[in-house]
Protein backbone atom coordinates (compact mmCIF):
# COMPACT_ATOMS: atom_id res chain seq x y z
CA UNK A 1 0.00 0.00 0.00
CA UNK A 2 1.26 3.47 -0.84
CA UNK A 3 -0.24 6.62 0.66
CA UNK A 4 0.66 9.82 -1.10
CA UNK A 5 2.24 12.57 0.95
CA UNK A 6 3.66 14.43 -2.03
CA UNK A 7 5.53 16.71 -2.34
CA UNK A 8 7.03 15.73 1.03
CA UNK A 9 7.45 12.03 0.29
CA UNK A 10 5.56 8.76 0.33
CA UNK A 11 5.03 6.15 3.04
CA UNK A 12 4.69 2.63 1.64
CA UNK A 13 3.70 -0.51 3.49
CA UNK A 14 4.52 -4.13 2.83
CA UNK A 15 2.30 -6.55 4.65
CA UNK A 16 0.89 -10.00 4.93
CA UNK A 17 -1.84 -11.71 6.83
CA UNK A 18 -0.39 -14.52 8.91
CA UNK A 19 -2.57 -17.56 9.51
CA UNK A 20 -1.50 -20.46 11.68
CA UNK A 21 -3.91 -23.23 12.75
CA UNK A 22 -4.79 -22.81 16.41
CA UNK A 23 -3.58 -19.20 16.55
CA UNK A 24 -5.14 -15.82 15.93
CA UNK A 25 -4.89 -14.34 12.46
CA UNK A 26 -2.73 -11.22 12.43
CA UNK A 27 -1.58 -8.52 10.06
CA UNK A 28 2.19 -8.22 9.88
CA UNK A 29 3.61 -5.16 8.15
CA UNK A 30 6.58 -2.89 7.63
CA UNK A 31 6.24 0.80 6.93
CA UNK A 32 8.94 2.71 5.09
CA UNK A 33 8.90 6.40 4.36
CA UNK A 34 10.47 7.43 1.09
CA UNK A 35 11.51 11.07 1.16
CA UNK A 36 10.74 13.18 -1.89
CA UNK A 37 13.52 13.76 -4.34
CA UNK A 38 14.60 13.02 -7.84
CA UNK A 39 15.93 9.49 -8.41
CA UNK A 40 14.82 8.32 -4.96
CA UNK A 41 12.91 5.08 -4.49
CA UNK A 42 9.19 5.54 -3.80
CA UNK A 43 8.18 1.95 -3.10
CA UNK A 44 9.06 -1.08 -1.02
CA UNK A 45 12.00 -3.09 -2.35
CA UNK A 46 12.97 -6.75 -2.36
CA UNK A 47 15.10 -6.48 0.79
CA UNK A 48 12.15 -4.94 2.66
CA UNK A 49 9.87 -7.79 1.59
CA UNK A 50 12.42 -10.41 2.67
CA UNK A 51 12.93 -8.64 6.02
CA UNK A 52 9.17 -8.82 6.59
CA UNK A 53 9.03 -12.50 5.63
CA UNK A 54 12.00 -13.32 7.88
CA UNK A 55 10.44 -11.48 10.84
CA UNK A 56 7.15 -13.36 10.40
CA UNK A 57 9.10 -16.63 10.23
CA UNK A 58 10.73 -15.76 13.57
CA UNK A 59 7.26 -15.07 14.96
CA UNK A 60 5.55 -18.28 13.79
CA UNK A 61 8.64 -20.53 14.09
CA UNK A 62 7.34 -22.88 11.40
CA UNK A 63 7.70 -23.60 7.70
CA UNK A 64 5.64 -21.11 5.73
CA UNK A 65 3.61 -20.93 2.56
CA UNK A 66 3.50 -17.46 1.08
CA UNK A 67 0.71 -16.68 -1.36
CA UNK A 68 1.74 -13.66 -3.37
CA UNK A 69 0.41 -11.46 -6.11
CA UNK A 70 2.54 -10.76 -9.16
CA UNK A 71 3.91 -7.35 -8.22
CA UNK A 72 7.16 -6.79 -10.14
CA UNK A 73 9.27 -6.86 -6.99
CA UNK A 74 7.58 -10.13 -5.92
CA UNK A 75 8.67 -11.95 -9.07
CA UNK A 76 12.03 -10.29 -9.74
CA UNK A 77 15.25 -12.25 -10.16
CA UNK A 78 16.60 -10.75 -6.91
CA UNK A 79 13.58 -11.89 -4.87
CA UNK A 80 13.69 -15.38 -6.39
CA UNK A 81 17.32 -15.71 -5.27
CA UNK A 82 16.49 -14.51 -1.75
CA UNK A 83 13.55 -16.93 -1.52
CA UNK A 84 15.69 -19.84 -2.77
CA UNK A 85 17.97 -19.32 0.27
CA UNK A 86 15.04 -20.06 2.61
CA UNK A 87 14.27 -23.79 2.66
CA UNK A 88 11.37 -23.19 5.08
CA UNK A 89 9.54 -20.98 2.56
CA UNK A 90 7.27 -22.09 -0.27
CA UNK A 91 5.85 -19.41 -2.57
CA UNK A 92 2.68 -19.73 -4.58
CA UNK A 93 1.65 -16.96 -6.96
CA UNK A 94 -1.89 -15.75 -7.46
CA UNK A 95 -3.16 -15.44 -11.03
CA UNK A 96 -2.37 -12.13 -12.72
CA UNK A 97 -4.85 -9.29 -12.13
CA UNK A 98 -6.61 -11.01 -9.24
CA UNK A 99 -6.62 -8.40 -6.47
CA UNK A 100 -9.92 -9.83 -5.26
CA UNK A 101 -8.10 -13.07 -4.29
CA UNK A 102 -5.55 -11.25 -2.13
CA UNK A 103 -6.82 -10.61 1.44
CA UNK A 104 -4.04 -8.07 2.06
CA UNK A 105 -5.56 -5.89 -0.67
CA UNK A 106 -8.78 -5.90 1.38
CA UNK A 107 -6.77 -4.78 4.43
CA UNK A 108 -5.16 -1.94 2.47
CA UNK A 109 -8.57 -0.82 1.16
CA UNK A 110 -9.91 -0.82 4.73
CA UNK A 111 -6.92 1.20 5.98
CA UNK A 112 -7.22 3.72 3.12
CA UNK A 113 -10.90 4.28 3.91
CA UNK A 114 -9.90 5.02 7.50
CA UNK A 115 -7.41 7.62 6.20
CA UNK A 116 -9.78 9.25 3.70
CA UNK A 117 -10.40 12.99 3.96
CA UNK A 118 -7.51 13.60 6.33
CA UNK A 119 -5.37 16.64 5.59
CA UNK A 120 -1.79 16.27 6.72
CA UNK A 121 0.89 18.95 6.43
CA UNK A 122 3.89 16.95 7.60
CA UNK A 123 5.14 13.59 6.37
CA UNK A 124 5.91 12.38 9.90
CA UNK A 125 2.29 13.08 10.89
CA UNK A 126 1.05 11.05 7.90
CA UNK A 127 3.39 8.23 8.90
CA UNK A 128 2.03 8.32 12.47
CA UNK A 129 -1.56 8.15 11.21
CA UNK A 130 -0.79 5.19 8.93
CA UNK A 131 1.01 3.36 11.75
CA UNK A 132 -1.92 4.02 14.10
CA UNK A 133 -4.54 2.71 11.65
CA UNK A 134 -2.50 -0.39 10.87
CA UNK A 135 -1.82 -1.06 14.56
CA UNK A 136 -5.58 -1.05 15.20
CA UNK A 137 -6.09 -3.49 12.36
CA UNK A 138 -3.07 -5.64 13.21
CA UNK A 139 -4.70 -7.75 15.91
CA UNK A 140 -8.33 -7.48 14.84
CA UNK A 141 -8.44 -11.12 13.84
CA UNK A 142 -12.19 -11.22 13.15
CA UNK A 143 -11.95 -8.63 10.39
CA UNK A 144 -8.75 -10.21 9.01
CA UNK A 145 -10.55 -13.56 8.87
CA UNK A 146 -13.35 -11.73 7.03
CA UNK A 147 -10.87 -10.45 4.45
CA UNK A 148 -9.73 -14.04 3.86
CA UNK A 149 -13.33 -15.29 3.68
CA UNK A 150 -14.13 -12.50 1.22
CA UNK A 151 -11.64 -13.91 -1.27
CA UNK A 152 -13.63 -17.13 -1.51
CA UNK A 153 -10.43 -19.11 -1.00
CA UNK A 154 -10.18 -21.80 1.67
CA UNK A 155 -7.29 -22.46 3.99
CA UNK A 156 -6.98 -26.19 4.26
CA UNK A 157 -4.72 -27.65 6.90
CA UNK A 158 -2.36 -29.95 4.95
CA UNK A 159 -2.11 -32.23 8.02
CA UNK A 160 -5.82 -32.97 8.01
CA UNK A 161 -7.35 -35.60 5.67
C-alpha atoms as a PDB file:
ATOM      1  CA  UNK A   1       0.000   0.000   0.000  1.00  0.00           C
ATOM      2  CA  UNK A   2       1.256   3.473  -0.838  1.00  0.00           C
ATOM      3  CA  UNK A   3      -0.238   6.617   0.663  1.00  0.00           C
ATOM      4  CA  UNK A   4       0.665   9.823  -1.102  1.00  0.00           C
ATOM      5  CA  UNK A   5       2.242  12.567   0.949  1.00  0.00           C
ATOM      6  CA  UNK A   6       3.660  14.434  -2.035  1.00  0.00           C
ATOM      7  CA  UNK A   7       5.531  16.709  -2.341  1.00  0.00           C
ATOM      8  CA  UNK A   8       7.030  15.726   1.026  1.00  0.00           C
ATOM      9  CA  UNK A   9       7.447  12.029   0.294  1.00  0.00           C
ATOM     10  CA  UNK A  10       5.560   8.757   0.332  1.00  0.00           C
ATOM     11  CA  UNK A  11       5.030   6.150   3.035  1.00  0.00           C
ATOM     12  CA  UNK A  12       4.688   2.631   1.643  1.00  0.00           C
ATOM     13  CA  UNK A  13       3.699  -0.509   3.494  1.00  0.00           C
ATOM     14  CA  UNK A  14       4.523  -4.132   2.829  1.00  0.00           C
ATOM     15  CA  UNK A  15       2.301  -6.547   4.653  1.00  0.00           C
ATOM     16  CA  UNK A  16       0.892 -10.000   4.925  1.00  0.00           C
ATOM     17  CA  UNK A  17      -1.843 -11.712   6.827  1.00  0.00           C
ATOM     18  CA  UNK A  18      -0.392 -14.520   8.913  1.00  0.00           C
ATOM     19  CA  UNK A  19      -2.573 -17.562   9.509  1.00  0.00           C
ATOM     20  CA  UNK A  20      -1.501 -20.459  11.681  1.00  0.00           C
ATOM     21  CA  UNK A  21      -3.907 -23.229  12.746  1.00  0.00           C
ATOM     22  CA  UNK A  22      -4.790 -22.814  16.407  1.00  0.00           C
ATOM     23  CA  UNK A  23      -3.577 -19.200  16.551  1.00  0.00           C
ATOM     24  CA  UNK A  24      -5.139 -15.823  15.931  1.00  0.00           C
ATOM     25  CA  UNK A  25      -4.887 -14.342  12.463  1.00  0.00           C
ATOM     26  CA  UNK A  26      -2.734 -11.225  12.430  1.00  0.00           C
ATOM     27  CA  UNK A  27      -1.578  -8.521  10.055  1.00  0.00           C
ATOM     28  CA  UNK A  28       2.188  -8.218   9.884  1.00  0.00           C
ATOM     29  CA  UNK A  29       3.608  -5.158   8.154  1.00  0.00           C
ATOM     30  CA  UNK A  30       6.580  -2.886   7.627  1.00  0.00           C
ATOM     31  CA  UNK A  31       6.240   0.801   6.930  1.00  0.00           C
ATOM     32  CA  UNK A  32       8.939   2.713   5.085  1.00  0.00           C
ATOM     33  CA  UNK A  33       8.905   6.401   4.360  1.00  0.00           C
ATOM     34  CA  UNK A  34      10.468   7.433   1.089  1.00  0.00           C
ATOM     35  CA  UNK A  35      11.506  11.070   1.159  1.00  0.00           C
ATOM     36  CA  UNK A  36      10.741  13.177  -1.888  1.00  0.00           C
ATOM     37  CA  UNK A  37      13.523  13.755  -4.336  1.00  0.00           C
ATOM     38  CA  UNK A  38      14.601  13.021  -7.841  1.00  0.00           C
ATOM     39  CA  UNK A  39      15.933   9.492  -8.411  1.00  0.00           C
ATOM     40  CA  UNK A  40      14.821   8.316  -4.961  1.00  0.00           C
ATOM     41  CA  UNK A  41      12.908   5.084  -4.492  1.00  0.00           C
ATOM     42  CA  UNK A  42       9.188   5.543  -3.796  1.00  0.00           C
ATOM     43  CA  UNK A  43       8.177   1.953  -3.097  1.00  0.00           C
ATOM     44  CA  UNK A  44       9.055  -1.076  -1.016  1.00  0.00           C
ATOM     45  CA  UNK A  45      11.999  -3.088  -2.345  1.00  0.00           C
ATOM     46  CA  UNK A  46      12.971  -6.746  -2.357  1.00  0.00           C
ATOM     47  CA  UNK A  47      15.098  -6.477   0.792  1.00  0.00           C
ATOM     48  CA  UNK A  48      12.148  -4.938   2.659  1.00  0.00           C
ATOM     49  CA  UNK A  49       9.867  -7.792   1.589  1.00  0.00           C
ATOM     50  CA  UNK A  50      12.418 -10.405   2.672  1.00  0.00           C
ATOM     51  CA  UNK A  51      12.931  -8.643   6.020  1.00  0.00           C
ATOM     52  CA  UNK A  52       9.169  -8.821   6.591  1.00  0.00           C
ATOM     53  CA  UNK A  53       9.029 -12.504   5.627  1.00  0.00           C
ATOM     54  CA  UNK A  54      11.997 -13.317   7.881  1.00  0.00           C
ATOM     55  CA  UNK A  55      10.437 -11.484  10.842  1.00  0.00           C
ATOM     56  CA  UNK A  56       7.147 -13.362  10.397  1.00  0.00           C
ATOM     57  CA  UNK A  57       9.100 -16.628  10.231  1.00  0.00           C
ATOM     58  CA  UNK A  58      10.725 -15.757  13.568  1.00  0.00           C
ATOM     59  CA  UNK A  59       7.262 -15.075  14.963  1.00  0.00           C
ATOM     60  CA  UNK A  60       5.553 -18.279  13.795  1.00  0.00           C
ATOM     61  CA  UNK A  61       8.640 -20.532  14.092  1.00  0.00           C
ATOM     62  CA  UNK A  62       7.345 -22.879  11.403  1.00  0.00           C
ATOM     63  CA  UNK A  63       7.701 -23.598   7.704  1.00  0.00           C
ATOM     64  CA  UNK A  64       5.637 -21.106   5.729  1.00  0.00           C
ATOM     65  CA  UNK A  65       3.607 -20.935   2.563  1.00  0.00           C
ATOM     66  CA  UNK A  66       3.503 -17.457   1.081  1.00  0.00           C
ATOM     67  CA  UNK A  67       0.708 -16.684  -1.357  1.00  0.00           C
ATOM     68  CA  UNK A  68       1.743 -13.656  -3.366  1.00  0.00           C
ATOM     69  CA  UNK A  69       0.412 -11.462  -6.107  1.00  0.00           C
ATOM     70  CA  UNK A  70       2.538 -10.762  -9.156  1.00  0.00           C
ATOM     71  CA  UNK A  71       3.910  -7.352  -8.222  1.00  0.00           C
ATOM     72  CA  UNK A  72       7.162  -6.792 -10.135  1.00  0.00           C
ATOM     73  CA  UNK A  73       9.272  -6.864  -6.986  1.00  0.00           C
ATOM     74  CA  UNK A  74       7.576 -10.133  -5.919  1.00  0.00           C
ATOM     75  CA  UNK A  75       8.674 -11.951  -9.069  1.00  0.00           C
ATOM     76  CA  UNK A  76      12.034 -10.289  -9.741  1.00  0.00           C
ATOM     77  CA  UNK A  77      15.246 -12.246 -10.157  1.00  0.00           C
ATOM     78  CA  UNK A  78      16.596 -10.751  -6.905  1.00  0.00           C
ATOM     79  CA  UNK A  79      13.583 -11.891  -4.865  1.00  0.00           C
ATOM     80  CA  UNK A  80      13.686 -15.380  -6.386  1.00  0.00           C
ATOM     81  CA  UNK A  81      17.321 -15.710  -5.273  1.00  0.00           C
ATOM     82  CA  UNK A  82      16.490 -14.512  -1.746  1.00  0.00           C
ATOM     83  CA  UNK A  83      13.555 -16.931  -1.517  1.00  0.00           C
ATOM     84  CA  UNK A  84      15.687 -19.842  -2.767  1.00  0.00           C
ATOM     85  CA  UNK A  85      17.968 -19.317   0.267  1.00  0.00           C
ATOM     86  CA  UNK A  86      15.041 -20.060   2.609  1.00  0.00           C
ATOM     87  CA  UNK A  87      14.272 -23.794   2.664  1.00  0.00           C
ATOM     88  CA  UNK A  88      11.369 -23.192   5.076  1.00  0.00           C
ATOM     89  CA  UNK A  89       9.545 -20.976   2.561  1.00  0.00           C
ATOM     90  CA  UNK A  90       7.267 -22.093  -0.268  1.00  0.00           C
ATOM     91  CA  UNK A  91       5.854 -19.413  -2.572  1.00  0.00           C
ATOM     92  CA  UNK A  92       2.676 -19.731  -4.580  1.00  0.00           C
ATOM     93  CA  UNK A  93       1.652 -16.955  -6.961  1.00  0.00           C
ATOM     94  CA  UNK A  94      -1.888 -15.754  -7.462  1.00  0.00           C
ATOM     95  CA  UNK A  95      -3.156 -15.443 -11.028  1.00  0.00           C
ATOM     96  CA  UNK A  96      -2.372 -12.127 -12.721  1.00  0.00           C
ATOM     97  CA  UNK A  97      -4.847  -9.294 -12.130  1.00  0.00           C
ATOM     98  CA  UNK A  98      -6.614 -11.008  -9.244  1.00  0.00           C
ATOM     99  CA  UNK A  99      -6.616  -8.404  -6.473  1.00  0.00           C
ATOM    100  CA  UNK A 100      -9.922  -9.834  -5.264  1.00  0.00           C
ATOM    101  CA  UNK A 101      -8.102 -13.069  -4.287  1.00  0.00           C
ATOM    102  CA  UNK A 102      -5.549 -11.253  -2.127  1.00  0.00           C
ATOM    103  CA  UNK A 103      -6.816 -10.609   1.436  1.00  0.00           C
ATOM    104  CA  UNK A 104      -4.037  -8.070   2.055  1.00  0.00           C
ATOM    105  CA  UNK A 105      -5.558  -5.886  -0.672  1.00  0.00           C
ATOM    106  CA  UNK A 106      -8.782  -5.899   1.381  1.00  0.00           C
ATOM    107  CA  UNK A 107      -6.774  -4.780   4.429  1.00  0.00           C
ATOM    108  CA  UNK A 108      -5.160  -1.938   2.473  1.00  0.00           C
ATOM    109  CA  UNK A 109      -8.570  -0.815   1.160  1.00  0.00           C
ATOM    110  CA  UNK A 110      -9.906  -0.819   4.726  1.00  0.00           C
ATOM    111  CA  UNK A 111      -6.917   1.204   5.982  1.00  0.00           C
ATOM    112  CA  UNK A 112      -7.219   3.718   3.122  1.00  0.00           C
ATOM    113  CA  UNK A 113     -10.897   4.277   3.906  1.00  0.00           C
ATOM    114  CA  UNK A 114      -9.901   5.022   7.502  1.00  0.00           C
ATOM    115  CA  UNK A 115      -7.412   7.620   6.197  1.00  0.00           C
ATOM    116  CA  UNK A 116      -9.783   9.252   3.703  1.00  0.00           C
ATOM    117  CA  UNK A 117     -10.395  12.988   3.955  1.00  0.00           C
ATOM    118  CA  UNK A 118      -7.510  13.604   6.335  1.00  0.00           C
ATOM    119  CA  UNK A 119      -5.371  16.642   5.590  1.00  0.00           C
ATOM    120  CA  UNK A 120      -1.787  16.268   6.724  1.00  0.00           C
ATOM    121  CA  UNK A 121       0.885  18.955   6.429  1.00  0.00           C
ATOM    122  CA  UNK A 122       3.885  16.948   7.604  1.00  0.00           C
ATOM    123  CA  UNK A 123       5.140  13.591   6.372  1.00  0.00           C
ATOM    124  CA  UNK A 124       5.906  12.377   9.898  1.00  0.00           C
ATOM    125  CA  UNK A 125       2.289  13.081  10.892  1.00  0.00           C
ATOM    126  CA  UNK A 126       1.046  11.046   7.902  1.00  0.00           C
ATOM    127  CA  UNK A 127       3.394   8.226   8.903  1.00  0.00           C
ATOM    128  CA  UNK A 128       2.027   8.321  12.469  1.00  0.00           C
ATOM    129  CA  UNK A 129      -1.562   8.152  11.209  1.00  0.00           C
ATOM    130  CA  UNK A 130      -0.792   5.192   8.934  1.00  0.00           C
ATOM    131  CA  UNK A 131       1.009   3.361  11.754  1.00  0.00           C
ATOM    132  CA  UNK A 132      -1.918   4.021  14.100  1.00  0.00           C
ATOM    133  CA  UNK A 133      -4.539   2.715  11.653  1.00  0.00           C
ATOM    134  CA  UNK A 134      -2.500  -0.393  10.868  1.00  0.00           C
ATOM    135  CA  UNK A 135      -1.823  -1.057  14.562  1.00  0.00           C
ATOM    136  CA  UNK A 136      -5.577  -1.050  15.197  1.00  0.00           C
ATOM    137  CA  UNK A 137      -6.091  -3.491  12.357  1.00  0.00           C
ATOM    138  CA  UNK A 138      -3.072  -5.644  13.210  1.00  0.00           C
ATOM    139  CA  UNK A 139      -4.696  -7.746  15.910  1.00  0.00           C
ATOM    140  CA  UNK A 140      -8.328  -7.484  14.843  1.00  0.00           C
ATOM    141  CA  UNK A 141      -8.437 -11.119  13.836  1.00  0.00           C
ATOM    142  CA  UNK A 142     -12.190 -11.220  13.149  1.00  0.00           C
ATOM    143  CA  UNK A 143     -11.955  -8.627  10.387  1.00  0.00           C
ATOM    144  CA  UNK A 144      -8.748 -10.205   9.010  1.00  0.00           C
ATOM    145  CA  UNK A 145     -10.554 -13.558   8.874  1.00  0.00           C
ATOM    146  CA  UNK A 146     -13.353 -11.730   7.032  1.00  0.00           C
ATOM    147  CA  UNK A 147     -10.871 -10.453   4.453  1.00  0.00           C
ATOM    148  CA  UNK A 148      -9.734 -14.036   3.864  1.00  0.00           C
ATOM    149  CA  UNK A 149     -13.325 -15.294   3.680  1.00  0.00           C
ATOM    150  CA  UNK A 150     -14.130 -12.500   1.223  1.00  0.00           C
ATOM    151  CA  UNK A 151     -11.638 -13.907  -1.266  1.00  0.00           C
ATOM    152  CA  UNK A 152     -13.634 -17.132  -1.505  1.00  0.00           C
ATOM    153  CA  UNK A 153     -10.435 -19.110  -1.002  1.00  0.00           C
ATOM    154  CA  UNK A 154     -10.180 -21.797   1.668  1.00  0.00           C
ATOM    155  CA  UNK A 155      -7.291 -22.456   3.987  1.00  0.00           C
ATOM    156  CA  UNK A 156      -6.980 -26.192   4.258  1.00  0.00           C
ATOM    157  CA  UNK A 157      -4.724 -27.651   6.900  1.00  0.00           C
ATOM    158  CA  UNK A 158      -2.365 -29.949   4.955  1.00  0.00           C
ATOM    159  CA  UNK A 159      -2.105 -32.230   8.016  1.00  0.00           C
ATOM    160  CA  UNK A 160      -5.823 -32.971   8.008  1.00  0.00           C
ATOM    161  CA  UNK A 161      -7.350 -35.602   5.665  1.00  0.00           C
END
